[in-house]
Protein backbone atom coordinates (compact mmCIF):
# COMPACT_ATOMS: atom_id res chain seq x y z
CA UNK A 1 95.03 81.42 55.83
CA UNK A 2 96.51 82.96 52.72
CA UNK A 3 99.94 84.54 52.42
CA UNK A 4 98.50 88.05 52.36
CA UNK A 5 96.49 87.61 55.57
CA UNK A 6 97.16 90.66 57.75
CA UNK A 7 97.04 88.47 60.85
CA UNK A 8 100.20 86.72 59.67
CA UNK A 9 102.12 89.85 58.74
CA UNK A 10 101.13 92.65 61.11
CA UNK A 11 101.79 92.93 64.84
CA UNK A 12 100.04 95.67 66.82
CA UNK A 13 101.35 95.86 70.37
CA UNK A 14 99.58 98.92 71.82
CA UNK A 15 96.17 100.52 71.17
CA UNK A 16 96.10 103.83 69.34
CA UNK A 17 93.72 106.76 69.21
CA UNK A 18 91.11 106.37 66.45
CA UNK A 19 92.30 108.06 63.27
CA UNK A 20 95.96 107.95 64.25
CA UNK A 21 98.64 108.02 61.58
CA UNK A 22 99.88 104.50 60.87
CA UNK A 23 103.62 103.79 61.04
CA UNK A 24 104.59 100.57 59.29
CA UNK A 25 107.89 99.29 60.72
CA UNK A 26 110.02 96.93 58.62
CA UNK A 27 112.79 94.93 60.36
CA UNK A 28 116.45 94.66 59.46
CA UNK A 29 118.03 91.46 58.13
CA UNK A 30 117.48 88.71 60.66
CA UNK A 31 115.13 90.91 62.65
CA UNK A 32 111.54 90.35 63.70
CA UNK A 33 108.47 92.43 64.49
CA UNK A 34 109.24 92.39 68.21
CA UNK A 35 112.26 94.66 67.60
CA UNK A 36 109.70 97.45 67.29
CA UNK A 37 107.83 96.75 70.52
CA UNK A 38 109.65 99.65 72.29
CA UNK A 39 108.84 101.93 69.35
CA UNK A 40 105.16 101.06 69.62
CA UNK A 41 105.19 101.65 73.37
CA UNK A 42 106.89 105.04 72.97
CA UNK A 43 104.65 106.34 70.18
CA UNK A 44 101.26 105.05 71.35
CA UNK A 45 98.52 106.15 71.44
CA UNK A 46 99.20 109.07 69.06
CA UNK A 47 100.72 106.78 66.40
CA UNK A 48 99.47 103.33 65.43
CA UNK A 49 102.59 101.21 64.98
CA UNK A 50 102.23 98.24 62.64
CA UNK A 51 105.30 96.00 62.95
CA UNK A 52 105.78 93.62 60.05
CA UNK A 53 106.63 89.99 60.76
CA UNK A 54 108.48 88.35 57.87
CA UNK A 55 108.00 84.63 57.18
CA UNK A 56 110.50 82.25 58.73
CA UNK A 57 110.90 83.71 62.21
CA UNK A 58 109.29 83.53 65.64
CA UNK A 59 105.65 82.45 65.24
CA UNK A 60 106.15 82.20 61.44
CA UNK A 61 109.34 80.13 61.63
CA UNK A 62 107.82 77.14 59.83
CA UNK A 63 106.83 79.18 56.76
CA UNK A 64 109.03 79.36 53.63
CA UNK A 65 111.61 82.12 53.68
CA UNK A 66 111.59 84.93 51.11
CA UNK A 67 115.01 85.55 49.55
CA UNK A 68 113.97 88.18 47.01
CA UNK A 69 113.37 91.74 48.20
CA UNK A 70 110.97 92.83 45.41
CA UNK A 71 108.87 89.72 46.10
CA UNK A 72 108.83 90.55 49.81
CA UNK A 73 107.76 94.10 48.91
CA UNK A 74 104.86 92.79 46.84
CA UNK A 75 103.63 90.68 49.74
CA UNK A 76 103.87 93.51 52.25
CA UNK A 77 102.14 95.84 49.79
CA UNK A 78 99.24 93.40 49.42
CA UNK A 79 98.75 93.41 53.20
CA UNK A 80 98.84 97.21 53.46
CA UNK A 81 96.49 97.97 50.58
CA UNK A 82 93.31 97.68 52.69
CA UNK A 83 94.78 100.17 55.21
CA UNK A 84 95.37 103.09 52.87
CA UNK A 85 92.15 104.88 53.81
CA UNK A 86 94.12 107.06 56.25
CA UNK A 87 97.70 108.39 56.45
CA UNK A 88 100.38 105.73 56.42
CA UNK A 89 104.13 106.20 56.92
CA UNK A 90 106.90 103.65 56.49
CA UNK A 91 109.99 103.08 58.65
CA UNK A 92 112.71 100.60 57.77
CA UNK A 93 116.16 99.94 59.17
CA UNK A 94 118.93 98.47 56.98
CA UNK A 95 117.26 95.94 54.64
CA UNK A 96 113.96 97.27 55.94
CA UNK A 97 114.72 100.69 54.45
CA UNK A 98 115.16 99.24 50.96
CA UNK A 99 111.95 97.31 51.50
CA UNK A 100 110.12 100.46 52.65
CA UNK A 101 111.21 102.20 49.46
CA UNK A 102 109.93 99.40 47.22
CA UNK A 103 106.63 99.20 49.11
CA UNK A 104 106.26 102.99 48.76
CA UNK A 105 106.83 102.70 45.01
CA UNK A 106 104.08 100.09 44.74
CA UNK A 107 101.68 102.21 46.79
CA UNK A 108 102.33 105.29 44.66
CA UNK A 109 102.52 103.73 41.21
CA UNK A 110 99.88 100.99 41.53
CA UNK A 111 97.41 102.52 44.00
CA UNK A 112 97.96 106.26 43.67
CA UNK A 113 98.63 106.42 47.42
CA UNK A 114 101.48 108.64 48.59
CA UNK A 115 102.92 107.58 51.96
CA UNK A 116 102.98 110.37 54.52
CA UNK A 117 106.74 109.88 55.07
CA UNK A 118 109.33 107.23 54.24
CA UNK A 119 111.84 106.91 57.09
CA UNK A 120 115.04 105.23 55.86
CA UNK A 121 117.48 104.20 58.58
CA UNK A 122 120.97 102.74 58.30
CA UNK A 123 120.82 102.03 54.58
CA UNK A 124 122.41 103.56 51.54
CA UNK A 125 120.12 104.93 48.83
CA UNK A 126 118.72 102.35 46.37
CA UNK A 127 120.83 103.73 43.53
CA UNK A 128 124.08 103.33 45.51
CA UNK A 129 125.12 99.74 44.81
CA UNK A 130 127.80 97.66 46.53
CA UNK A 131 128.97 94.19 45.56
CA UNK A 132 128.28 92.40 48.83
CA UNK A 133 128.45 88.61 49.19
CA UNK A 134 128.20 87.92 52.90
CA UNK A 135 125.19 85.70 52.19
CA UNK A 136 127.53 83.33 50.32
CA UNK A 137 129.83 82.79 53.32
CA UNK A 138 129.67 79.70 55.49
CA UNK A 139 127.77 79.84 58.77
CA UNK A 140 130.83 80.99 60.70
CA UNK A 141 131.43 83.91 58.34
CA UNK A 142 127.80 84.97 58.39
CA UNK A 143 127.67 84.88 62.18
CA UNK A 144 130.87 86.93 62.35
CA UNK A 145 129.33 89.65 60.22
CA UNK A 146 126.18 89.81 62.31
CA UNK A 147 128.23 90.00 65.49
CA UNK A 148 130.38 92.74 64.00
CA UNK A 149 127.31 94.83 63.29
CA UNK A 150 125.91 94.12 66.79
CA UNK A 151 122.47 93.55 65.33
CA UNK A 152 121.77 90.48 67.45
CA UNK A 153 122.67 89.93 71.09
CA UNK A 154 125.87 87.92 71.38
CA UNK A 155 124.20 85.61 73.88
CA UNK A 156 121.66 84.51 71.30
CA UNK A 157 124.38 83.72 68.78
CA UNK A 158 126.17 81.63 71.40
CA UNK A 159 123.10 79.47 72.02
CA UNK A 160 123.23 76.56 69.55
CA UNK A 161 119.51 75.85 69.71
CA UNK A 162 118.52 79.48 69.10
CA UNK A 163 121.20 79.80 66.44
CA UNK A 164 119.82 76.87 64.45
CA UNK A 165 116.43 78.57 64.52
CA UNK A 166 117.47 82.04 63.40
CA UNK A 167 120.42 81.43 61.07
CA UNK A 168 118.32 80.41 58.03
CA UNK A 169 116.27 83.61 58.36
CA UNK A 170 119.42 85.71 58.68
CA UNK A 171 120.91 84.13 55.54
CA UNK A 172 117.68 84.56 53.58
CA UNK A 173 117.48 88.24 54.55
CA UNK A 174 121.14 88.86 53.70
CA UNK A 175 120.48 87.26 50.33
CA UNK A 176 117.48 89.52 49.72
CA UNK A 177 119.36 92.65 50.80
CA UNK A 178 122.61 91.95 48.96
CA UNK A 179 121.08 90.81 45.67
CA UNK A 180 118.57 93.68 45.55
CA UNK A 181 119.13 96.01 42.61
CA UNK A 182 117.25 99.24 42.10
CA UNK A 183 115.28 99.39 38.84
CA UNK A 184 115.30 103.03 37.67
CA UNK A 185 111.92 104.71 37.58
CA UNK A 186 110.08 107.86 38.64
CA UNK A 187 111.09 109.17 42.08
CA UNK A 188 108.68 109.04 44.97
CA UNK A 189 106.41 111.95 45.79
CA UNK A 190 106.56 110.99 49.47
CA UNK A 191 108.97 112.91 51.72
CA UNK A 192 112.02 110.92 52.77
CA UNK A 193 113.72 111.30 56.14
CA UNK A 194 116.99 109.40 56.47
CA UNK A 195 118.91 108.43 59.61
CA UNK A 196 122.44 107.07 59.75
CA UNK A 197 125.38 106.35 62.02
CA UNK A 198 128.53 108.32 61.27
CA UNK A 199 130.70 105.18 61.36
CA UNK A 200 128.32 102.71 59.73
CA UNK A 201 130.41 100.34 57.61
CA UNK A 202 127.31 99.36 55.62
CA UNK A 203 126.35 102.90 54.57
CA UNK A 204 128.46 106.04 54.42
CA UNK A 205 126.86 109.40 55.09
CA UNK A 206 127.32 110.26 51.41
CA UNK A 207 125.56 107.06 50.33
CA UNK A 208 122.67 107.80 52.68
CA UNK A 209 122.44 111.41 51.48
CA UNK A 210 121.68 110.05 48.01
CA UNK A 211 118.17 109.16 49.21
CA UNK A 212 117.35 112.73 48.23
CA UNK A 213 117.60 111.65 44.58
CA UNK A 214 114.65 109.30 45.07
CA UNK A 215 111.96 111.83 45.94
CA UNK A 216 110.50 115.01 44.53
CA UNK A 217 109.28 115.83 48.03
CA UNK A 218 111.14 117.14 51.06
CA UNK A 219 114.28 115.36 52.23
CA UNK A 220 115.93 115.39 55.67
CA UNK A 221 119.12 113.70 56.80
CA UNK A 222 120.00 113.09 60.45
CA UNK A 223 123.38 111.66 61.49
CA UNK A 224 124.34 110.19 64.84
CA UNK A 225 127.41 108.79 66.50
CA UNK A 226 127.80 105.05 66.21
CA UNK A 227 127.74 102.31 63.64
CA UNK A 228 125.09 100.27 61.88
CA UNK A 229 122.87 99.91 64.94
CA UNK A 230 123.14 103.51 66.12
CA UNK A 231 119.38 103.23 66.76
CA UNK A 232 119.99 101.26 69.94
CA UNK A 233 121.84 104.25 71.42
CA UNK A 234 119.85 107.09 69.86
CA UNK A 235 116.32 105.72 69.91
CA UNK A 236 114.89 108.64 71.88
CA UNK A 237 116.27 111.25 69.45
CA UNK A 238 115.07 109.34 66.40
CA UNK A 239 111.61 108.82 67.88
CA UNK A 240 111.34 112.53 68.66
CA UNK A 241 111.82 113.32 64.98
CA UNK A 242 109.34 110.65 63.92
CA UNK A 243 106.77 111.80 66.48
CA UNK A 244 107.11 115.43 65.37
CA UNK A 245 106.78 114.67 61.67
CA UNK A 246 103.79 112.38 62.14
CA UNK A 247 102.07 114.90 64.40
CA UNK A 248 102.34 117.39 61.55
CA UNK A 249 100.84 114.80 59.19
CA UNK A 250 97.92 114.21 61.53
CA UNK A 251 97.34 117.95 62.00
CA UNK A 252 97.32 118.39 58.24
CA UNK A 253 94.85 115.54 57.73
CA UNK A 254 92.49 117.10 60.24
CA UNK A 255 92.45 120.40 58.38
CA UNK A 256 92.41 118.96 54.87
C-alpha cells in the first residue's frame, strides 16, 4: 500500500444514497476518524461522510506521524482528488479546520475544484496567529492542556497503557497545529461556515469571524455556549446547519 491509498485514510461508516454530497471530516489534534461516527450516523444516507484517519493512531498507530500541517494537507488532498467528480464539502474542528482550509486551497488552485462548503469549527482564521508552544511542554504539561480543553475523556488519560499509545499522536498534532503559519494567497471561492464556542480559550469569536477574509463566497458564523469542545454539547444544532446547507448543494447539483 502507498501513503495515498484511500483505504488507509478514509473511513466510511454508513452507506449513503448514490450521488450524495460528500462531507470530508478532519479530526482535531489527537483525534481519530471514529470521532465522526455519530456524525455519519446522523447524516446518512443523505450525506456521505468520509472521516479521515491520520497516521499514528488506532489502526494506523504503527505508521510515522506527520508533524507538519501543509504536508498533511498534501497527503489528504492526494486521497481526495479521485473523488472530485461530485460535490465535496470539508468539515474540520480545531486543527482539522486549518487542515480543511489548506486542503480546500489545494483543490481550488491545483485542480480547479471548488468545495461546496468549508465548515470551520473551533479554530481561529488562518491569518490570526498566536505564539503557542504547548507542544514543547513535557508530557505532564501536554496532558494538562488536553484535559483542560476536555477533548479526550479523562478516563483515557488516566490509563497508562492507553496514554502511551495516544500521547505521541497528540504531541505530533499539537506540533502541526501550533507551528502552522498561513502563507498569504488568493482567498477561497468556496463558502465558509464557521462555528465556535463563546468561551473557547483557543479561539475568540473575533478571531473566528476573520474566516470571512479568506473567501470571496458567502460567510456564516454561528456561536454557541461552551468552550473548545462546544460540539459535544451542541452537536444536534451544528448538524442541522450542515444538513441544511448540504441539502441546498445537492438540490443545486440536480438542477445544474
